[in-house]
Amino acid sequence: MSKMMKQMGVDMDELDADKVEVHMGDQKLVFSNPSISKIDAQGNEIFQLQGNYSKEENTEEPEVDEEDVELVMEKTDVNKEDAKQALEENDEVADAIMELQ
């Protein structure tokens, strides 16, 4: 089977991972000791994930880029805390700036 796949331009590798997290909004799926296959088919990489998982609440705070904070501060003349809060509440830097103006 693997010889036929190679002839068709498909290469498959098994990846060794202890844990994989899939973040979906306010939830995440946590796979412990998953089976992961990486398939390279004609230049496209495809990952296949299998295994038992648990659903957990995603409690991580979104990371705010320091350069984005400085840009918002510069454009709106607000302090660092206000700029960071606006970025946490908005998906885009432009939206955070518009909210503060």
Protein backbone atom coordinates (compact mmCIF):
# COMPACT_ATOMS: atom_id res chain seq x y z
CA MET A 1 0.00 0.00 0.00
CA SER A 2 2.75 2.48 0.91
CA LYS A 3 4.57 1.74 -2.37
CA MET A 4 1.39 2.55 -4.34
CA MET A 5 0.93 5.77 -2.33
CA LYS A 6 4.49 6.87 -3.12
CA GLN A 7 3.89 6.22 -6.84
CA MET A 8 0.84 8.50 -6.65
CA GLY A 9 2.93 11.23 -5.01
CA VAL A 10 1.56 10.69 -1.51
CA ASP A 11 3.96 10.49 1.44
CA MET A 12 2.76 9.66 4.96
CA ASP A 13 4.62 10.03 8.26
CA GLU A 14 3.57 9.31 11.84
CA LEU A 15 4.23 12.16 14.28
CA ASP A 16 5.09 11.58 17.93
CA ALA A 17 3.06 13.82 20.26
CA ASP A 18 2.18 13.60 23.93
CA LYS A 19 -0.71 16.05 23.83
CA VAL A 20 -2.68 18.09 21.27
CA GLU A 21 -5.10 20.93 22.04
CA VAL A 22 -7.70 22.15 19.55
CA HIS A 23 -9.06 25.56 20.57
CA MET A 24 -12.62 26.36 19.49
CA GLY A 25 -13.78 29.66 20.95
CA ASP A 26 -14.53 29.11 24.61
CA GLN A 27 -13.94 25.34 24.46
CA LYS A 28 -10.95 23.17 23.69
CA LEU A 29 -10.48 19.51 22.87
CA VAL A 30 -7.49 17.95 24.63
CA PHE A 31 -6.07 14.76 23.07
CA SER A 32 -3.70 12.80 25.31
CA ASN A 33 -1.28 10.43 23.57
CA PRO A 34 -2.86 10.97 20.15
CA SER A 35 -2.05 9.24 16.90
CA ILE A 36 -1.09 11.86 14.33
CA SER A 37 -0.40 11.23 10.66
CA LYS A 38 1.09 13.83 8.35
CA ILE A 39 0.17 13.23 4.73
CA ASP A 40 1.95 15.12 1.95
CA ALA A 41 -0.12 14.79 -1.21
CA GLN A 42 1.17 16.70 -4.21
CA GLY A 43 2.45 19.62 -2.14
CA ASN A 44 -0.52 19.77 0.26
CA GLU A 45 0.08 18.85 3.89
CA ILE A 46 -2.81 17.10 5.62
CA PHE A 47 -2.82 16.19 9.30
CA GLN A 48 -4.97 13.37 10.63
CA LEU A 49 -5.61 13.30 14.39
CA GLN A 50 -7.04 10.28 16.19
CA GLY A 51 -7.48 9.36 19.82
CA ASN A 52 -9.46 9.89 22.97
CA TYR A 53 -10.10 13.46 24.00
CA SER A 54 -11.74 15.50 26.71
CA LYS A 55 -13.68 18.74 26.34
CA GLU A 56 -12.50 21.58 28.54
CA GLU A 57 -13.39 25.21 28.97
CA ASN A 58 -10.84 27.48 27.32
CA THR A 59 -9.84 29.81 30.14
CA GLU A 60 -6.67 31.20 28.58
CA GLU A 61 -6.52 34.94 28.16
CA PRO A 62 -5.78 36.00 24.58
CA GLU A 63 -2.22 37.19 24.12
CA VAL A 64 -1.89 40.82 23.13
CA ASP A 65 1.09 41.82 21.01
CA GLU A 66 3.15 44.56 22.66
CA GLU A 67 3.62 46.34 19.31
CA ASP A 68 -0.17 46.46 18.91
CA VAL A 69 -0.51 47.97 22.39
CA GLU A 70 2.04 50.67 21.55
CA LEU A 71 0.31 51.45 18.25
CA VAL A 72 -3.09 51.83 19.94
CA MET A 73 -1.53 54.03 22.63
CA GLU A 74 0.12 56.21 19.98
CA LYS A 75 -3.03 56.61 17.87
CA THR A 76 -5.47 57.22 20.74
CA ASP A 77 -3.41 58.87 23.51
CA VAL A 78 -4.61 56.36 26.12
CA ASN A 79 -2.60 54.56 28.78
CA LYS A 80 -1.20 51.05 28.36
CA GLU A 81 -3.92 49.37 30.42
CA ASP A 82 -6.75 50.91 28.38
CA ALA A 83 -5.03 50.06 25.09
CA LYS A 84 -4.51 46.45 26.17
CA GLN A 85 -8.12 46.09 27.32
CA ALA A 86 -9.42 47.45 24.00
CA LEU A 87 -7.25 44.96 22.10
CA GLU A 88 -8.51 42.08 24.25
CA GLU A 89 -12.12 43.06 23.53
CA ASN A 90 -11.63 43.54 19.76
CA ASP A 91 -10.26 41.14 17.16
CA GLU A 92 -8.53 43.83 15.11
CA VAL A 93 -6.18 46.69 16.02
CA ALA A 94 -8.26 49.08 13.89
CA ASP A 95 -11.41 48.14 15.85
CA ALA A 96 -9.62 48.80 19.15
CA ILE A 97 -8.51 52.21 17.91
CA MET A 98 -12.01 53.09 16.68
CA GLU A 99 -13.50 52.07 20.04
CA LEU A 100 -11.14 54.38 21.93
CA GLN A 101 -11.58 57.43 19.70
